C-alpha atoms as a PDB file:
ATOM      1  CA  ILE A   1      93.295 102.189  97.411  1.00  0.00           C
ATOM      2  CA  ARG A   2      91.024 104.895  95.977  1.00  0.00           C
ATOM      3  CA  ASP A   3      93.989 106.958  94.761  1.00  0.00           C
ATOM      4  CA  CYS A   4      96.102 104.023  93.552  1.00  0.00           C
ATOM      5  CA  ASP A   5      96.489 103.539  89.795  1.00  0.00           C
ATOM      6  CA  GLY A   6      95.046 100.182  88.858  1.00  0.00           C
ATOM      7  CA  LEU A   7      92.719 100.020  91.867  1.00  0.00           C
ATOM      8  CA  GLY A   8      90.627 103.151  92.447  1.00  0.00           C
ATOM      9  CA  LEU A   9      86.870 103.471  92.907  1.00  0.00           C
ATOM     10  CA  ASP A  10      86.051 100.421  90.804  1.00  0.00           C
ATOM     11  CA  PHE A  11      88.093  98.293  93.194  1.00  0.00           C
ATOM     12  CA  LEU A  12      86.281  99.795  96.208  1.00  0.00           C
ATOM     13  CA  LYS A  13      82.918  99.104  94.552  1.00  0.00           C
ATOM     14  CA  GLN A  14      83.608  95.408  94.013  1.00  0.00           C
ATOM     15  CA  VAL A  15      80.939  93.066  95.297  1.00  0.00           C
ATOM     16  CA  ARG A  16      81.891  89.751  96.821  1.00  0.00           C
ATOM     17  CA  ASN A  17      79.729  86.671  97.301  1.00  0.00           C
ATOM     18  CA  LYS A  18      76.041  87.237  98.012  1.00  0.00           C
ATOM     19  CA  GLY A  19      76.276  90.918  97.080  1.00  0.00           C
ATOM     20  CA  LEU A  20      78.486  92.034  99.983  1.00  0.00           C
ATOM     21  CA  THR A  21      80.273  95.380  99.708  1.00  0.00           C
ATOM     22  CA  ILE A  22      82.816  97.172 101.865  1.00  0.00           C
ATOM     23  CA  ALA A  23      79.852  98.989 103.440  1.00  0.00           C
ATOM     24  CA  ASN A  24      78.278  95.685 104.507  1.00  0.00           C
ATOM     25  CA  ASP A  25      81.574  94.595 106.050  1.00  0.00           C
ATOM     26  CA  ALA A  26      81.938  97.913 107.907  1.00  0.00           C
ATOM     27  CA  ALA A  27      78.364  97.719 109.243  1.00  0.00           C
ATOM     28  CA  THR A  28      78.875  94.133 110.402  1.00  0.00           C
ATOM     29  CA  ARG A  29      82.052  95.081 112.262  1.00  0.00           C
ATOM     30  CA  GLY A  30      80.624  98.296 113.744  1.00  0.00           C
ATOM     31  CA  LYS A  31      82.951 100.636 111.859  1.00  0.00           C
ATOM     32  CA  CYS A  32      81.044 103.922 111.744  1.00  0.00           C
ATOM     33  CA  ASN A  33      84.230 105.734 110.726  1.00  0.00           C
ATOM     34  CA  VAL A  34      84.410 103.648 107.541  1.00  0.00           C
ATOM     35  CA  LEU A  35      80.716 104.249 106.807  1.00  0.00           C
ATOM     36  CA  GLN A  36      81.301 107.985 107.266  1.00  0.00           C
ATOM     37  CA  TRP A  37      84.291 107.819 104.903  1.00  0.00           C
ATOM     38  CA  ILE A  38      82.196 105.992 102.286  1.00  0.00           C
ATOM     39  CA  ARG A  39      79.412 108.579 102.628  1.00  0.00           C
ATOM     40  CA  ASP A  40      81.872 111.455 102.172  1.00  0.00           C
ATOM     41  CA  CYS A  41      83.883 109.809  99.370  1.00  0.00           C
ATOM     42  CA  PRO A  42      83.299 111.310  95.911  1.00  0.00           C
ATOM     43  CA  GLY A  43      82.218 108.487  93.644  1.00  0.00           C
ATOM     44  CA  LEU A  44      80.722 106.418  96.461  1.00  0.00           C
ATOM     45  CA  GLY A  45      78.566 108.558  98.768  1.00  0.00           C
ATOM     46  CA  LEU A  46      75.016 107.835  99.866  1.00  0.00           C
ATOM     47  CA  SER A  47      74.180 106.109  96.600  1.00  0.00           C
ATOM     48  CA  PHE A  48      76.586 103.325  97.578  1.00  0.00           C
ATOM     49  CA  PHE A  49      74.315 102.540 100.548  1.00  0.00           C
ATOM     50  CA  LEU A  50      71.059 102.981  98.638  1.00  0.00           C
ATOM     51  CA  LYS A  51      71.727 100.698  95.654  1.00  0.00           C
ATOM     52  CA  PRO A  52      72.250  97.126  96.827  1.00  0.00           C
ATOM     53  CA  ALA A  53      73.912  94.676  94.455  1.00  0.00           C
ATOM     54  CA  ARG A  54      70.696  92.603  94.440  1.00  0.00           C
ATOM     55  CA  ASN A  55      67.076  93.690  94.851  1.00  0.00           C
ATOM     56  CA  ASP A  56      66.517  91.319  97.783  1.00  0.00           C
ATOM     57  CA  ALA A  57      69.843  92.107  99.455  1.00  0.00           C
ATOM     58  CA  PRO A  58      70.000  93.209 103.073  1.00  0.00           C
ATOM     59  CA  THR A  59      70.945  96.825 103.718  1.00  0.00           C
ATOM     60  CA  ILE A  60      73.824  97.903 105.933  1.00  0.00           C
ATOM     61  CA  ALA A  61      71.199  98.302 108.673  1.00  0.00           C
ATOM     62  CA  HIS A  62      70.286  94.602 108.416  1.00  0.00           C
ATOM     63  CA  TYR A  63      73.940  93.618 108.780  1.00  0.00           C
ATOM     64  CA  ALA A  64      74.407  95.952 111.752  1.00  0.00           C
ATOM     65  CA  ALA A  65      71.259  94.627 113.468  1.00  0.00           C
ATOM     66  CA  ALA A  66      72.279  90.995 112.967  1.00  0.00           C
ATOM     67  CA  ALA A  67      75.706  91.743 114.443  1.00  0.00           C
ATOM     68  CA  GLY A  68      74.274  93.714 117.378  1.00  0.00           C
ATOM     69  CA  ASN A  69      75.963  96.957 116.330  1.00  0.00           C
ATOM     70  CA  ARG A  70      73.677  99.546 117.830  1.00  0.00           C
ATOM     71  CA  ASP A  71      76.206 102.320 117.184  1.00  0.00           C
ATOM     72  CA  VAL A  72      75.902 101.715 113.449  1.00  0.00           C
ATOM     73  CA  LEU A  73      72.103 101.811 113.644  1.00  0.00           C
ATOM     74  CA  GLU A  74      72.308 105.112 115.532  1.00  0.00           C
ATOM     75  CA  TRP A  75      74.754 106.442 112.914  1.00  0.00           C
ATOM     76  CA  ILE A  76      72.306 105.482 110.153  1.00  0.00           C
ATOM     77  CA  HIS A  77      69.419 107.088 112.059  1.00  0.00           C
ATOM     78  CA  ASN A  78      71.356 110.357 112.369  1.00  0.00           C
ATOM     79  CA  CYS A  79      72.805 110.292 108.846  1.00  0.00           C
ATOM     80  CA  LEU A  80      71.283 112.901 106.542  1.00  0.00           C
ATOM     81  CA  GLY A  81      69.949 111.046 103.521  1.00  0.00           C
ATOM     82  CA  LEU A  82      69.452 107.737 105.336  1.00  0.00           C
ATOM     83  CA  GLY A  83      67.650 108.208 108.663  1.00  0.00           C
ATOM     84  CA  LEU A  84      64.567 106.463 109.969  1.00  0.00           C
ATOM     85  CA  GLY A  85      63.216 105.630 106.516  1.00  0.00           C
ATOM     86  CA  PHE A  86      66.341 103.643 105.692  1.00  0.00           C
ATOM     87  CA  LEU A  87      66.102 101.747 108.994  1.00  0.00           C
ATOM     88  CA  LYS A  88      62.526 100.758 108.098  1.00  0.00           C
ATOM     89  CA  LEU A  89      63.463  99.229 104.739  1.00  0.00           C
ATOM     90  CA  GLY A  90      62.700  95.550 104.440  1.00  0.00           C
ATOM     91  CA  ARG A  91      64.600  93.025 102.421  1.00  0.00           C
ATOM     92  CA  ASN A  92      63.407  89.794 100.820  1.00  0.00           C
ATOM     93  CA  ARG A  93      59.901  88.889 102.005  1.00  0.00           C
ATOM     94  CA  SER A  94      59.686  92.112 104.091  1.00  0.00           C
ATOM     95  CA  ARG A  95      62.307  90.990 106.619  1.00  0.00           C
ATOM     96  CA  THR A  96      63.157  93.967 108.850  1.00  0.00           C
ATOM     97  CA  ILE A  97      66.149  94.805 111.025  1.00  0.00           C
ATOM     98  CA  ALA A  98      64.072  93.586 113.992  1.00  0.00           C
ATOM     99  CA  HIS A  99      63.789  90.141 112.369  1.00  0.00           C
ATOM    100  CA  ASP A 100      67.548  89.998 111.839  1.00  0.00           C
ATOM    101  CA  ALA A 101      68.288  91.120 115.406  1.00  0.00           C
ATOM    102  CA  ALA A 102      65.846  88.574 116.860  1.00  0.00           C
ATOM    103  CA  THR A 103      67.162  85.733 114.706  1.00  0.00           C
ATOM    104  CA  CYS A 104      70.699  86.454 115.900  1.00  0.00           C
ATOM    105  CA  GLY A 105      69.714  86.971 119.557  1.00  0.00           C
ATOM    106  CA  LYS A 106      70.688  90.656 119.658  1.00  0.00           C
ATOM    107  CA  CYS A 107      68.438  91.930 122.451  1.00  0.00           C
ATOM    108  CA  ASN A 108      70.497  95.132 122.698  1.00  0.00           C
ATOM    109  CA  VAL A 109      69.220  96.058 119.231  1.00  0.00           C
ATOM    110  CA  LEU A 110      65.624  95.128 120.042  1.00  0.00           C
ATOM    111  CA  GLU A 111      65.563  97.431 123.112  1.00  0.00           C
END
């Protein structure tokens, strides 16, 4: 897709309803390999994770926590440029990844 004429980076950067990106989808489905690819992709990189489509939008960590994807949270924690500070980011009304995990009954994330 990235290297295809007529698609490219702009296609990969498209945002669907409620500000969801390919990174949000990967985090929800536990696809650390896709998150790694996004991080390493020229034109996407860390900035793709750090600039949500909306100011109150959940981060990839919020999506991973709500889905119970501990592997993604560990990947974020160990990712240079994201790390613990990124995991601590709140979204609208200071909602944390712990709130999302609790709301969705993901005790494995709360442990």
